[in-house]
Amino acid sequence: MRVLRGRYWAYALLSGLSLCLMIVTLVSRDWLEALLRINPDAGSGAVEWVIVLSLAVSAGLLAWAARREWRSAASI
């Protein structure tokens, strides 16, 4: 059994959240306009692709950090 620090759970939760938001953005690209009531890219979809890419990168980095925490956790 491993003793996991809170840092692992934070990384894992944020990675999952980033992945979910990335999927939501891929499925429904108009959520930004609906939520903020602005259209920053005049309907071209460029901002949504930047959001998808940045969420993918953050999910990957956070998953890597969580894995690092998992591997460094002390075993009981």
C-alpha atoms as a PDB file:
ATOM      1  CA  MET A   1       0.000   0.000   0.000  1.00  0.00           C
ATOM      2  CA  ARG A   2       1.258   3.479  -0.866  1.00  0.00           C
ATOM      3  CA  VAL A   3       1.032   6.627   1.202  1.00  0.00           C
ATOM      4  CA  LEU A   4       0.031   9.346  -1.246  1.00  0.00           C
ATOM      5  CA  ARG A   5       0.432  13.017  -0.474  1.00  0.00           C
ATOM      6  CA  GLY A   6      -2.211  15.614  -1.222  1.00  0.00           C
ATOM      7  CA  ARG A   7      -0.079  16.843  -4.094  1.00  0.00           C
ATOM      8  CA  TYR A   8      -0.773  13.598  -5.997  1.00  0.00           C
ATOM      9  CA  TRP A   9      -4.528  14.009  -5.607  1.00  0.00           C
ATOM     10  CA  ALA A  10      -4.368  17.649  -6.710  1.00  0.00           C
ATOM     11  CA  TYR A  11      -2.371  16.746  -9.826  1.00  0.00           C
ATOM     12  CA  ALA A  12      -4.665  13.838 -10.665  1.00  0.00           C
ATOM     13  CA  LEU A  13      -7.839  15.881 -10.144  1.00  0.00           C
ATOM     14  CA  LEU A  14      -6.596  18.845 -12.183  1.00  0.00           C
ATOM     15  CA  SER A  15      -5.409  16.541 -14.962  1.00  0.00           C
ATOM     16  CA  GLY A  16      -8.847  14.911 -15.145  1.00  0.00           C
ATOM     17  CA  LEU A  17     -10.555  18.290 -15.099  1.00  0.00           C
ATOM     18  CA  SER A  18      -8.343  19.571 -17.918  1.00  0.00           C
ATOM     19  CA  LEU A  19      -9.104  16.464 -19.952  1.00  0.00           C
ATOM     20  CA  CYS A  20     -12.858  16.847 -19.390  1.00  0.00           C
ATOM     21  CA  LEU A  21     -12.787  20.513 -20.390  1.00  0.00           C
ATOM     22  CA  MET A  22     -10.789  19.622 -23.484  1.00  0.00           C
ATOM     23  CA  ILE A  23     -13.424  17.069 -24.504  1.00  0.00           C
ATOM     24  CA  VAL A  24     -16.242  19.544 -23.813  1.00  0.00           C
ATOM     25  CA  THR A  25     -14.474  22.117 -25.984  1.00  0.00           C
ATOM     26  CA  LEU A  26     -14.057  19.600 -28.797  1.00  0.00           C
ATOM     27  CA  VAL A  27     -17.728  18.587 -28.657  1.00  0.00           C
ATOM     28  CA  SER A  28     -19.300  21.994 -28.063  1.00  0.00           C
ATOM     29  CA  ARG A  29     -17.094  24.784 -29.341  1.00  0.00           C
ATOM     30  CA  ASP A  30     -19.580  27.539 -28.514  1.00  0.00           C
ATOM     31  CA  TRP A  31     -19.379  27.215 -24.727  1.00  0.00           C
ATOM     32  CA  LEU A  32     -16.941  30.126 -24.465  1.00  0.00           C
ATOM     33  CA  GLU A  33     -19.259  32.466 -26.318  1.00  0.00           C
ATOM     34  CA  ALA A  34     -22.273  31.231 -24.343  1.00  0.00           C
ATOM     35  CA  LEU A  35     -20.552  31.579 -20.972  1.00  0.00           C
ATOM     36  CA  LEU A  36     -18.790  34.908 -21.459  1.00  0.00           C
ATOM     37  CA  ARG A  37     -21.138  36.404 -24.058  1.00  0.00           C
ATOM     38  CA  ILE A  38     -18.199  37.493 -26.209  1.00  0.00           C
ATOM     39  CA  ASN A  39     -16.912  36.304 -29.573  1.00  0.00           C
ATOM     40  CA  PRO A  40     -13.139  36.850 -29.469  1.00  0.00           C
ATOM     41  CA  ASP A  41     -12.334  35.238 -32.826  1.00  0.00           C
ATOM     42  CA  ALA A  42     -15.357  36.403 -34.860  1.00  0.00           C
ATOM     43  CA  GLY A  43     -16.565  32.835 -35.358  1.00  0.00           C
ATOM     44  CA  SER A  44     -13.359  31.388 -36.844  1.00  0.00           C
ATOM     45  CA  GLY A  45     -12.821  28.866 -34.034  1.00  0.00           C
ATOM     46  CA  ALA A  46      -9.164  29.793 -33.534  1.00  0.00           C
ATOM     47  CA  VAL A  47      -9.590  30.566 -29.833  1.00  0.00           C
ATOM     48  CA  GLU A  48     -11.281  27.215 -29.261  1.00  0.00           C
ATOM     49  CA  TRP A  49      -8.350  25.377 -30.862  1.00  0.00           C
ATOM     50  CA  VAL A  50      -5.906  27.286 -28.670  1.00  0.00           C
ATOM     51  CA  ILE A  51      -7.990  26.280 -25.647  1.00  0.00           C
ATOM     52  CA  VAL A  52      -8.030  22.622 -26.747  1.00  0.00           C
ATOM     53  CA  LEU A  53      -4.274  22.553 -27.273  1.00  0.00           C
ATOM     54  CA  SER A  54      -3.478  24.293 -24.004  1.00  0.00           C
ATOM     55  CA  LEU A  55      -5.826  21.980 -22.084  1.00  0.00           C
ATOM     56  CA  ALA A  56      -4.223  18.939 -23.732  1.00  0.00           C
ATOM     57  CA  VAL A  57      -0.749  20.144 -22.759  1.00  0.00           C
ATOM     58  CA  SER A  58      -1.814  20.939 -19.191  1.00  0.00           C
ATOM     59  CA  ALA A  59      -3.564  17.552 -18.819  1.00  0.00           C
ATOM     60  CA  GLY A  60      -0.440  15.787 -20.027  1.00  0.00           C
ATOM     61  CA  LEU A  61       1.900  17.713 -17.753  1.00  0.00           C
ATOM     62  CA  LEU A  62      -0.340  17.266 -14.735  1.00  0.00           C
ATOM     63  CA  ALA A  63      -0.691  13.525 -15.427  1.00  0.00           C
ATOM     64  CA  TRP A  64       3.093  13.267 -15.670  1.00  0.00           C
ATOM     65  CA  ALA A  65       3.464  15.110 -12.342  1.00  0.00           C
ATOM     66  CA  ALA A  66       0.877  12.819 -10.720  1.00  0.00           C
ATOM     67  CA  ARG A  67       2.732   9.763 -12.009  1.00  0.00           C
ATOM     68  CA  ARG A  68       5.971  11.145 -10.602  1.00  0.00           C
ATOM     69  CA  GLU A  69       4.301  11.630  -7.214  1.00  0.00           C
ATOM     70  CA  TRP A  70       2.876   8.089  -7.407  1.00  0.00           C
ATOM     71  CA  ARG A  71       6.272   6.610  -8.084  1.00  0.00           C
ATOM     72  CA  SER A  72       7.942   8.584  -5.296  1.00  0.00           C
ATOM     73  CA  ALA A  73       5.275   7.676  -2.708  1.00  0.00           C
ATOM     74  CA  ALA A  74       6.554   5.627   0.170  1.00  0.00           C
ATOM     75  CA  SER A  75       5.309   2.064   0.389  1.00  0.00           C
ATOM     76  CA  ILE A  76       4.021   0.753   3.691  1.00  0.00           C
END
